[in-house]
């Protein structure tokens, strides 16, 4: 676990307070101990153990295949790597849709086995009752509206959501329902900037944007996208702060060259 340089542990309360203070909330995804410890040292406020692990780690085409057990495995590693950042764990597909009771049980299991700071659920009005039950049990819940990847087959693609008046109204209604149910924050994914601004100004809890413009209370990116590890994924909302894919490939290529040329190891890298 990292030293937190005197900074207080980020909690549900402090995330909410950041909105009141006008302090933007910096969030990233994390799936393992090493990256979590690096992001924690960089002062990231919130780390999401996202079901995006299904795509960036497991190589699946969607988030749907990942299981509760797999997310618990990754979340346990992430929690061990942080001392300040708040860790939130995604509720994967079919872990909360069947019934409120099953959602409650899975959320409790995730919290108990990972020691994370909370969970995230996709959906608005249809999941409000589950959010209410889980929140009342003392488990912080983050909502997720707009493009919700677990509903990708229903949407028929990854196009922006909330672009029609009816869809925008549905997202607004969902945000209000999640706030009333006790959610402490809401991720707004791939919706028009002005709609995100309207929702951000309308509700008292923070909004965390991903492809939702600059007016949200915070921003989140998939860490592998931000680091340039996925070269063939270039949506307009992703800013690549490095190009690690090419750098890692170059390092591995140089290693292969040295091994095959008998230039590694040297005498200095060997024991006598």
C-alpha atoms as a PDB file:
ATOM      1  CA  UNK A   1       0.000   0.000   0.000  1.00  0.00           C
ATOM      2  CA  UNK A   2       1.242   3.468  -0.886  1.00  0.00           C
ATOM      3  CA  UNK A   3       1.869   6.323   1.496  1.00  0.00           C
ATOM      4  CA  UNK A   4      -0.751   8.992   0.806  1.00  0.00           C
ATOM      5  CA  UNK A   5       1.488  12.013   1.500  1.00  0.00           C
ATOM      6  CA  UNK A   6      -0.846  13.233   4.214  1.00  0.00           C
ATOM      7  CA  UNK A   7      -3.897  13.326   1.928  1.00  0.00           C
ATOM      8  CA  UNK A   8      -7.142  12.015   3.406  1.00  0.00           C
ATOM      9  CA  UNK A   9      -8.771   8.843   2.136  1.00  0.00           C
ATOM     10  CA  UNK A  10     -11.392   9.654  -0.498  1.00  0.00           C
ATOM     11  CA  UNK A  11     -14.877   8.556   0.523  1.00  0.00           C
ATOM     12  CA  UNK A  12     -18.480   8.931  -0.606  1.00  0.00           C
ATOM     13  CA  UNK A  13     -18.756  12.060   1.509  1.00  0.00           C
ATOM     14  CA  UNK A  14     -15.627  13.693   0.148  1.00  0.00           C
ATOM     15  CA  UNK A  15     -16.647  12.937  -3.464  1.00  0.00           C
ATOM     16  CA  UNK A  16     -19.967  14.689  -2.854  1.00  0.00           C
ATOM     17  CA  UNK A  17     -18.197  17.593  -1.145  1.00  0.00           C
ATOM     18  CA  UNK A  18     -15.966  18.069  -4.206  1.00  0.00           C
ATOM     19  CA  UNK A  19     -19.044  19.062  -6.219  1.00  0.00           C
ATOM     20  CA  UNK A  20     -19.992  21.667  -3.640  1.00  0.00           C
ATOM     21  CA  UNK A  21     -16.495  23.100  -3.675  1.00  0.00           C
ATOM     22  CA  UNK A  22     -16.299  23.126  -7.461  1.00  0.00           C
ATOM     23  CA  UNK A  23     -13.309  20.780  -7.406  1.00  0.00           C
ATOM     24  CA  UNK A  24     -13.234  18.535 -10.459  1.00  0.00           C
ATOM     25  CA  UNK A  25     -13.074  14.808  -9.701  1.00  0.00           C
ATOM     26  CA  UNK A  26     -10.377  12.807 -11.523  1.00  0.00           C
ATOM     27  CA  UNK A  27     -11.229   9.135 -12.109  1.00  0.00           C
ATOM     28  CA  UNK A  28      -9.661   6.227 -14.003  1.00  0.00           C
ATOM     29  CA  UNK A  29     -10.242   2.508 -14.345  1.00  0.00           C
ATOM     30  CA  UNK A  30      -7.839   0.066 -12.681  1.00  0.00           C
ATOM     31  CA  UNK A  31      -7.677  -3.708 -12.740  1.00  0.00           C
ATOM     32  CA  UNK A  32      -4.494  -4.688 -10.877  1.00  0.00           C
ATOM     33  CA  UNK A  33      -2.218  -3.807  -7.964  1.00  0.00           C
ATOM     34  CA  UNK A  34       0.571  -2.146  -9.942  1.00  0.00           C
ATOM     35  CA  UNK A  35      -1.530   0.278 -11.973  1.00  0.00           C
ATOM     36  CA  UNK A  36      -3.692   1.047  -8.929  1.00  0.00           C
ATOM     37  CA  UNK A  37      -0.636   1.988  -6.869  1.00  0.00           C
ATOM     38  CA  UNK A  38       0.696   4.221  -9.670  1.00  0.00           C
ATOM     39  CA  UNK A  39      -2.644   5.988 -10.112  1.00  0.00           C
ATOM     40  CA  UNK A  40      -3.062   6.367  -6.357  1.00  0.00           C
ATOM     41  CA  UNK A  41       0.354   8.034  -6.170  1.00  0.00           C
ATOM     42  CA  UNK A  42      -0.749  10.375  -8.973  1.00  0.00           C
ATOM     43  CA  UNK A  43      -3.609  11.631  -6.760  1.00  0.00           C
ATOM     44  CA  UNK A  44      -6.483  10.039  -8.705  1.00  0.00           C
ATOM     45  CA  UNK A  45      -9.648  10.537  -6.659  1.00  0.00           C
ATOM     46  CA  UNK A  46     -11.601   7.457  -7.709  1.00  0.00           C
ATOM     47  CA  UNK A  47     -10.581   4.171  -9.315  1.00  0.00           C
ATOM     48  CA  UNK A  48     -13.237   2.078 -11.017  1.00  0.00           C
ATOM     49  CA  UNK A  49     -12.708  -1.659 -11.314  1.00  0.00           C
ATOM     50  CA  UNK A  50     -14.801  -1.652 -14.460  1.00  0.00           C
ATOM     51  CA  UNK A  51     -16.471  -4.459 -16.319  1.00  0.00           C
ATOM     52  CA  UNK A  52     -14.377  -3.057 -19.180  1.00  0.00           C
ATOM     53  CA  UNK A  53     -11.837  -5.592 -17.891  1.00  0.00           C
ATOM     54  CA  UNK A  54     -13.774  -8.006 -20.110  1.00  0.00           C
ATOM     55  CA  UNK A  55     -12.486  -6.161 -23.173  1.00  0.00           C
ATOM     56  CA  UNK A  56      -9.079  -4.740 -22.213  1.00  0.00           C
ATOM     57  CA  UNK A  57      -7.831  -7.753 -20.218  1.00  0.00           C
ATOM     58  CA  UNK A  58      -9.862 -10.722 -21.424  1.00  0.00           C
ATOM     59  CA  UNK A  59     -10.120  -9.797 -25.105  1.00  0.00           C
ATOM     60  CA  UNK A  60     -13.907 -10.039 -25.345  1.00  0.00           C
ATOM     61  CA  UNK A  61     -15.904  -7.881 -27.739  1.00  0.00           C
ATOM     62  CA  UNK A  62     -18.289  -6.615 -25.034  1.00  0.00           C
ATOM     63  CA  UNK A  63     -18.462  -6.256 -21.261  1.00  0.00           C
ATOM     64  CA  UNK A  64     -21.124  -8.955 -20.969  1.00  0.00           C
ATOM     65  CA  UNK A  65     -19.002 -12.093 -20.287  1.00  0.00           C
ATOM     66  CA  UNK A  66     -17.222 -10.875 -17.134  1.00  0.00           C
ATOM     67  CA  UNK A  67     -18.479 -12.386 -13.871  1.00  0.00           C
ATOM     68  CA  UNK A  68     -18.831 -11.313 -10.253  1.00  0.00           C
ATOM     69  CA  UNK A  69     -16.022 -13.695  -9.275  1.00  0.00           C
ATOM     70  CA  UNK A  70     -13.680 -12.177 -11.859  1.00  0.00           C
ATOM     71  CA  UNK A  71     -14.406  -8.606 -10.796  1.00  0.00           C
ATOM     72  CA  UNK A  72     -13.873  -9.550  -7.163  1.00  0.00           C
ATOM     73  CA  UNK A  73     -10.482 -11.026  -8.102  1.00  0.00           C
ATOM     74  CA  UNK A  74      -9.381  -7.798  -9.811  1.00  0.00           C
ATOM     75  CA  UNK A  75     -10.889  -5.527  -7.171  1.00  0.00           C
ATOM     76  CA  UNK A  76      -9.039  -7.255  -4.335  1.00  0.00           C
ATOM     77  CA  UNK A  77      -5.754  -6.508  -6.120  1.00  0.00           C
ATOM     78  CA  UNK A  78      -6.704  -2.886  -6.772  1.00  0.00           C
ATOM     79  CA  UNK A  79      -7.708  -2.232  -3.165  1.00  0.00           C
ATOM     80  CA  UNK A  80      -4.315  -3.489  -1.976  1.00  0.00           C
ATOM     81  CA  UNK A  81      -2.613  -0.908  -4.186  1.00  0.00           C
ATOM     82  CA  UNK A  82      -4.287   2.238  -2.885  1.00  0.00           C
ATOM     83  CA  UNK A  83      -4.123   4.324   0.236  1.00  0.00           C
ATOM     84  CA  UNK A  84      -6.074   7.432  -0.827  1.00  0.00           C
ATOM     85  CA  UNK A  85      -8.184   6.726  -3.927  1.00  0.00           C
ATOM     86  CA  UNK A  86     -11.751   5.516  -3.510  1.00  0.00           C
ATOM     87  CA  UNK A  87     -12.271   2.142  -5.206  1.00  0.00           C
ATOM     88  CA  UNK A  88     -15.614   1.420  -6.876  1.00  0.00           C
ATOM     89  CA  UNK A  89     -16.468  -1.976  -8.390  1.00  0.00           C
ATOM     90  CA  UNK A  90     -18.814  -2.520 -11.321  1.00  0.00           C
ATOM     91  CA  UNK A  91     -21.794  -4.794 -10.857  1.00  0.00           C
ATOM     92  CA  UNK A  92     -21.470  -6.999 -13.961  1.00  0.00           C
ATOM     93  CA  UNK A  93     -24.188  -8.067 -16.369  1.00  0.00           C
ATOM     94  CA  UNK A  94     -26.907 -10.198 -14.728  1.00  0.00           C
ATOM     95  CA  UNK A  95     -25.612  -9.589 -11.201  1.00  0.00           C
ATOM     96  CA  UNK A  96     -28.449  -7.151 -10.397  1.00  0.00           C
ATOM     97  CA  UNK A  97     -31.069  -7.403 -13.161  1.00  0.00           C
ATOM     98  CA  UNK A  98     -32.886 -10.541 -11.942  1.00  0.00           C
ATOM     99  CA  UNK A  99     -34.179  -9.160  -8.642  1.00  0.00           C
ATOM    100  CA  UNK A 100     -33.526  -6.543  -5.991  1.00  0.00           C
ATOM    101  CA  UNK A 101     -32.639  -9.335  -3.566  1.00  0.00           C
ATOM    102  CA  UNK A 102     -29.973 -10.754  -5.882  1.00  0.00           C
ATOM    103  CA  UNK A 103     -28.575  -7.274  -6.523  1.00  0.00           C
ATOM    104  CA  UNK A 104     -28.373  -6.691  -2.773  1.00  0.00           C
ATOM    105  CA  UNK A 105     -26.670 -10.030  -2.170  1.00  0.00           C
ATOM    106  CA  UNK A 106     -24.085  -9.539  -4.926  1.00  0.00           C
ATOM    107  CA  UNK A 107     -23.322  -5.986  -3.839  1.00  0.00           C
ATOM    108  CA  UNK A 108     -22.783  -7.173  -0.286  1.00  0.00           C
ATOM    109  CA  UNK A 109     -20.522  -9.977  -1.436  1.00  0.00           C
ATOM    110  CA  UNK A 110     -18.409  -7.587  -3.518  1.00  0.00           C
ATOM    111  CA  UNK A 111     -17.997  -5.201  -0.593  1.00  0.00           C
ATOM    112  CA  UNK A 112     -17.226  -7.955   1.926  1.00  0.00           C
ATOM    113  CA  UNK A 113     -14.690  -9.803  -0.222  1.00  0.00           C
ATOM    114  CA  UNK A 114     -12.895  -6.822  -1.785  1.00  0.00           C
ATOM    115  CA  UNK A 115     -13.063  -4.142   0.942  1.00  0.00           C
ATOM    116  CA  UNK A 116     -13.833  -1.638  -1.819  1.00  0.00           C
ATOM    117  CA  UNK A 117     -15.507   1.710  -1.218  1.00  0.00           C
ATOM    118  CA  UNK A 118     -18.679   1.054  -3.202  1.00  0.00           C
ATOM    119  CA  UNK A 119     -20.293  -0.406  -6.305  1.00  0.00           C
ATOM    120  CA  UNK A 120     -21.587   0.899  -9.657  1.00  0.00           C
ATOM    121  CA  UNK A 121     -24.836  -0.084 -11.368  1.00  0.00           C
ATOM    122  CA  UNK A 122     -25.956   0.709 -14.925  1.00  0.00           C
ATOM    123  CA  UNK A 123     -29.461   2.030 -15.505  1.00  0.00           C
ATOM    124  CA  UNK A 124     -31.912   4.623 -14.229  1.00  0.00           C
ATOM    125  CA  UNK A 125     -35.499   4.177 -13.153  1.00  0.00           C
ATOM    126  CA  UNK A 126     -35.446   0.391 -13.616  1.00  0.00           C
ATOM    127  CA  UNK A 127     -32.633  -0.059 -11.067  1.00  0.00           C
ATOM    128  CA  UNK A 128     -33.706   2.644  -8.610  1.00  0.00           C
ATOM    129  CA  UNK A 129     -35.235   0.179  -6.148  1.00  0.00           C
ATOM    130  CA  UNK A 130     -32.032  -1.892  -6.055  1.00  0.00           C
ATOM    131  CA  UNK A 131     -29.970   1.284  -5.588  1.00  0.00           C
ATOM    132  CA  UNK A 132     -32.225   2.301  -2.710  1.00  0.00           C
ATOM    133  CA  UNK A 133     -31.960  -1.061  -0.941  1.00  0.00           C
ATOM    134  CA  UNK A 134     -28.194  -1.264  -1.372  1.00  0.00           C
ATOM    135  CA  UNK A 135     -27.654   2.357  -0.288  1.00  0.00           C
ATOM    136  CA  UNK A 136     -29.830   1.939   2.789  1.00  0.00           C
ATOM    137  CA  UNK A 137     -27.604  -0.977   3.818  1.00  0.00           C
ATOM    138  CA  UNK A 138     -24.647   1.412   3.932  1.00  0.00           C
ATOM    139  CA  UNK A 139     -23.072   0.521   0.578  1.00  0.00           C
ATOM    140  CA  UNK A 140     -22.180   3.564  -1.556  1.00  0.00           C
ATOM    141  CA  UNK A 141     -23.702   3.264  -5.032  1.00  0.00           C
ATOM    142  CA  UNK A 142     -22.602   5.038  -8.200  1.00  0.00           C
ATOM    143  CA  UNK A 143     -25.096   5.163 -11.055  1.00  0.00           C
ATOM    144  CA  UNK A 144     -24.427   5.011 -14.804  1.00  0.00           C
ATOM    145  CA  UNK A 145     -26.601   6.582 -17.505  1.00  0.00           C
ATOM    146  CA  UNK A 146     -26.428   7.336 -21.215  1.00  0.00           C
ATOM    147  CA  UNK A 147     -24.533   4.722 -23.172  1.00  0.00           C
ATOM    148  CA  UNK A 148     -24.642   1.750 -20.823  1.00  0.00           C
ATOM    149  CA  UNK A 149     -22.403  -0.981 -22.324  1.00  0.00           C
ATOM    150  CA  UNK A 150     -24.292  -3.853 -20.701  1.00  0.00           C
ATOM    151  CA  UNK A 151     -27.307  -2.879 -22.836  1.00  0.00           C
ATOM    152  CA  UNK A 152     -25.294  -2.778 -26.048  1.00  0.00           C
ATOM    153  CA  UNK A 153     -27.446  -5.387 -27.810  1.00  0.00           C
ATOM    154  CA  UNK A 154     -30.569  -3.389 -26.977  1.00  0.00           C
ATOM    155  CA  UNK A 155     -28.990  -0.178 -28.297  1.00  0.00           C
ATOM    156  CA  UNK A 156     -27.546  -1.899 -31.337  1.00  0.00           C
ATOM    157  CA  UNK A 157     -24.174  -0.157 -31.159  1.00  0.00           C
ATOM    158  CA  UNK A 158     -22.033   2.387 -29.377  1.00  0.00           C
ATOM    159  CA  UNK A 159     -23.658   5.528 -30.761  1.00  0.00           C
ATOM    160  CA  UNK A 160     -24.262   8.528 -28.458  1.00  0.00           C
ATOM    161  CA  UNK A 161     -27.405   8.395 -26.343  1.00  0.00           C
ATOM    162  CA  UNK A 162     -29.775  11.202 -25.381  1.00  0.00           C
ATOM    163  CA  UNK A 163     -29.712  12.826 -28.807  1.00  0.00           C
ATOM    164  CA  UNK A 164     -33.518  12.742 -29.219  1.00  0.00           C
ATOM    165  CA  UNK A 165     -35.917  14.623 -26.904  1.00  0.00           C
ATOM    166  CA  UNK A 166     -37.503  11.386 -25.662  1.00  0.00           C
ATOM    167  CA  UNK A 167     -34.154   9.774 -24.898  1.00  0.00           C
ATOM    168  CA  UNK A 168     -32.851  12.918 -23.193  1.00  0.00           C
ATOM    169  CA  UNK A 169     -35.970  13.068 -21.031  1.00  0.00           C
ATOM    170  CA  UNK A 170     -35.497   9.426 -20.071  1.00  0.00           C
ATOM    171  CA  UNK A 171     -31.901  10.059 -19.004  1.00  0.00           C
ATOM    172  CA  UNK A 172     -32.937  13.107 -16.963  1.00  0.00           C
ATOM    173  CA  UNK A 173     -35.673  11.072 -15.279  1.00  0.00           C
ATOM    174  CA  UNK A 174     -33.125   8.349 -14.577  1.00  0.00           C
ATOM    175  CA  UNK A 175     -30.701  10.807 -12.967  1.00  0.00           C
ATOM    176  CA  UNK A 176     -33.419  12.142 -10.698  1.00  0.00           C
ATOM    177  CA  UNK A 177     -34.475   8.623  -9.742  1.00  0.00           C
ATOM    178  CA  UNK A 178     -30.900   7.598  -8.907  1.00  0.00           C
ATOM    179  CA  UNK A 179     -30.361  10.705  -6.779  1.00  0.00           C
ATOM    180  CA  UNK A 180     -33.611  10.073  -4.886  1.00  0.00           C
ATOM    181  CA  UNK A 181     -32.656   6.410  -4.399  1.00  0.00           C
ATOM    182  CA  UNK A 182     -29.423   7.383  -2.657  1.00  0.00           C
ATOM    183  CA  UNK A 183     -26.714   7.171  -5.335  1.00  0.00           C
ATOM    184  CA  UNK A 184     -23.695   9.300  -4.417  1.00  0.00           C
ATOM    185  CA  UNK A 185     -22.615  10.002  -8.029  1.00  0.00           C
ATOM    186  CA  UNK A 186     -23.606   9.209 -11.608  1.00  0.00           C
ATOM    187  CA  UNK A 187     -21.450   8.357 -14.610  1.00  0.00           C
ATOM    188  CA  UNK A 188     -22.767  10.027 -17.780  1.00  0.00           C
ATOM    189  CA  UNK A 189     -21.447   8.230 -20.848  1.00  0.00           C
ATOM    190  CA  UNK A 190     -21.501   9.477 -24.441  1.00  0.00           C
ATOM    191  CA  UNK A 191     -24.345  11.983 -24.206  1.00  0.00           C
ATOM    192  CA  UNK A 192     -24.565  15.539 -25.600  1.00  0.00           C
ATOM    193  CA  UNK A 193     -22.561  18.127 -23.693  1.00  0.00           C
ATOM    194  CA  UNK A 194     -25.580  20.367 -23.047  1.00  0.00           C
ATOM    195  CA  UNK A 195     -27.631  17.457 -21.693  1.00  0.00           C
ATOM    196  CA  UNK A 196     -24.805  16.575 -19.310  1.00  0.00           C
ATOM    197  CA  UNK A 197     -24.636  20.224 -18.223  1.00  0.00           C
ATOM    198  CA  UNK A 198     -28.376  20.275 -17.585  1.00  0.00           C
ATOM    199  CA  UNK A 199     -28.222  17.130 -15.454  1.00  0.00           C
ATOM    200  CA  UNK A 200     -25.130  18.341 -13.573  1.00  0.00           C
ATOM    201  CA  UNK A 201     -26.887  21.578 -12.636  1.00  0.00           C
ATOM    202  CA  UNK A 202     -30.130  19.790 -11.792  1.00  0.00           C
ATOM    203  CA  UNK A 203     -28.925  17.215  -9.249  1.00  0.00           C
ATOM    204  CA  UNK A 204     -27.021  17.627  -5.995  1.00  0.00           C
ATOM    205  CA  UNK A 205     -24.721  14.613  -6.469  1.00  0.00           C
ATOM    206  CA  UNK A 206     -21.632  14.654  -8.735  1.00  0.00           C
ATOM    207  CA  UNK A 207     -21.706  13.686 -12.393  1.00  0.00           C
ATOM    208  CA  UNK A 208     -18.687  11.896 -13.837  1.00  0.00           C
ATOM    209  CA  UNK A 209     -18.388  12.260 -17.592  1.00  0.00           C
ATOM    210  CA  UNK A 210     -16.973   9.984 -20.248  1.00  0.00           C
ATOM    211  CA  UNK A 211     -17.717  11.483 -23.626  1.00  0.00           C
ATOM    212  CA  UNK A 212     -20.166  13.882 -21.959  1.00  0.00           C
ATOM    213  CA  UNK A 213     -18.285  17.179 -22.198  1.00  0.00           C
ATOM    214  CA  UNK A 214     -16.576  19.561 -19.814  1.00  0.00           C
ATOM    215  CA  UNK A 215     -19.511  20.566 -17.623  1.00  0.00           C
ATOM    216  CA  UNK A 216     -19.600  17.351 -15.572  1.00  0.00           C
ATOM    217  CA  UNK A 217     -18.272  17.445 -12.022  1.00  0.00           C
ATOM    218  CA  UNK A 218     -15.544  14.964 -12.922  1.00  0.00           C
ATOM    219  CA  UNK A 219     -14.145  12.832 -15.723  1.00  0.00           C
ATOM    220  CA  UNK A 220     -13.272   9.174 -16.148  1.00  0.00           C
ATOM    221  CA  UNK A 221     -11.395   7.302 -18.857  1.00  0.00           C
ATOM    222  CA  UNK A 222     -10.457   3.675 -19.304  1.00  0.00           C
ATOM    223  CA  UNK A 223      -6.802   3.697 -18.253  1.00  0.00           C
ATOM    224  CA  UNK A 224      -5.707   1.552 -21.200  1.00  0.00           C
ATOM    225  CA  UNK A 225      -7.219   4.125 -23.580  1.00  0.00           C
ATOM    226  CA  UNK A 226      -5.633   7.070 -21.787  1.00  0.00           C
ATOM    227  CA  UNK A 227      -2.207   5.414 -21.841  1.00  0.00           C
ATOM    228  CA  UNK A 228      -2.364   4.558 -25.537  1.00  0.00           C
ATOM    229  CA  UNK A 229      -2.286   0.803 -24.982  1.00  0.00           C
ATOM    230  CA  UNK A 230      -5.144   0.169 -27.399  1.00  0.00           C
ATOM    231  CA  UNK A 231      -3.979   1.442 -30.747  1.00  0.00           C
ATOM    232  CA  UNK A 232      -7.087   0.640 -32.782  1.00  0.00           C
ATOM    233  CA  UNK A 233      -9.583   2.315 -30.435  1.00  0.00           C
ATOM    234  CA  UNK A 234      -9.778   6.053 -31.070  1.00  0.00           C
ATOM    235  CA  UNK A 235     -13.124   7.594 -30.063  1.00  0.00           C
ATOM    236  CA  UNK A 236     -13.211  11.385 -30.053  1.00  0.00           C
ATOM    237  CA  UNK A 237     -13.601  11.613 -26.251  1.00  0.00           C
ATOM    238  CA  UNK A 238     -10.350   9.764 -25.487  1.00  0.00           C
ATOM    239  CA  UNK A 239      -7.224  11.857 -25.011  1.00  0.00           C
ATOM    240  CA  UNK A 240      -4.114   9.677 -25.136  1.00  0.00           C
ATOM    241  CA  UNK A 241      -1.565  10.954 -22.637  1.00  0.00           C
ATOM    242  CA  UNK A 242       1.065   8.477 -23.829  1.00  0.00           C
ATOM    243  CA  UNK A 243       1.636   5.868 -26.531  1.00  0.00           C
ATOM    244  CA  UNK A 244       2.633   2.923 -24.368  1.00  0.00           C
ATOM    245  CA  UNK A 245       1.725   0.282 -26.939  1.00  0.00           C
ATOM    246  CA  UNK A 246       4.532   1.315 -29.284  1.00  0.00           C
ATOM    247  CA  UNK A 247       6.977   1.848 -26.426  1.00  0.00           C
ATOM    248  CA  UNK A 248       6.276  -1.583 -24.918  1.00  0.00           C
ATOM    249  CA  UNK A 249       6.518  -3.234 -28.314  1.00  0.00           C
ATOM    250  CA  UNK A 250       9.850  -1.490 -28.991  1.00  0.00           C
ATOM    251  CA  UNK A 251      11.209  -2.596 -25.608  1.00  0.00           C
ATOM    252  CA  UNK A 252      10.193  -6.203 -26.247  1.00  0.00           C
ATOM    253  CA  UNK A 253      11.688  -6.085 -29.758  1.00  0.00           C
ATOM    254  CA  UNK A 254      14.999  -4.808 -28.360  1.00  0.00           C
ATOM    255  CA  UNK A 255      14.971  -7.559 -25.744  1.00  0.00           C
ATOM    256  CA  UNK A 256      14.455 -10.235 -28.391  1.00  0.00           C
ATOM    257  CA  UNK A 257      17.299  -8.723 -30.452  1.00  0.00           C
ATOM    258  CA  UNK A 258      19.688  -8.774 -27.477  1.00  0.00           C
ATOM    259  CA  UNK A 259      18.812 -12.338 -26.482  1.00  0.00           C
ATOM    260  CA  UNK A 260      19.227 -13.691 -29.993  1.00  0.00           C
ATOM    261  CA  UNK A 261      22.428 -11.711 -30.495  1.00  0.00           C
ATOM    262  CA  UNK A 262      23.855 -13.019 -27.204  1.00  0.00           C
ATOM    263  CA  UNK A 263      24.044  -9.437 -25.895  1.00  0.00           C
ATOM    264  CA  UNK A 264      21.903 -10.235 -22.856  1.00  0.00           C
ATOM    265  CA  UNK A 265      22.899 -10.998 -20.223  1.00  0.00           C
ATOM    266  CA  UNK A 266      26.342  -9.392 -20.009  1.00  0.00           C
ATOM    267  CA  UNK A 267      29.012 -10.314 -17.494  1.00  0.00           C
ATOM    268  CA  UNK A 268      27.797  -7.472 -15.291  1.00  0.00           C
ATOM    269  CA  UNK A 269      24.315  -8.991 -15.342  1.00  0.00           C
ATOM    270  CA  UNK A 270      25.570 -12.451 -14.353  1.00  0.00           C
ATOM    271  CA  UNK A 271      26.644 -13.996 -11.035  1.00  0.00           C
ATOM    272  CA  UNK A 272      30.124 -15.358 -10.350  1.00  0.00           C
END
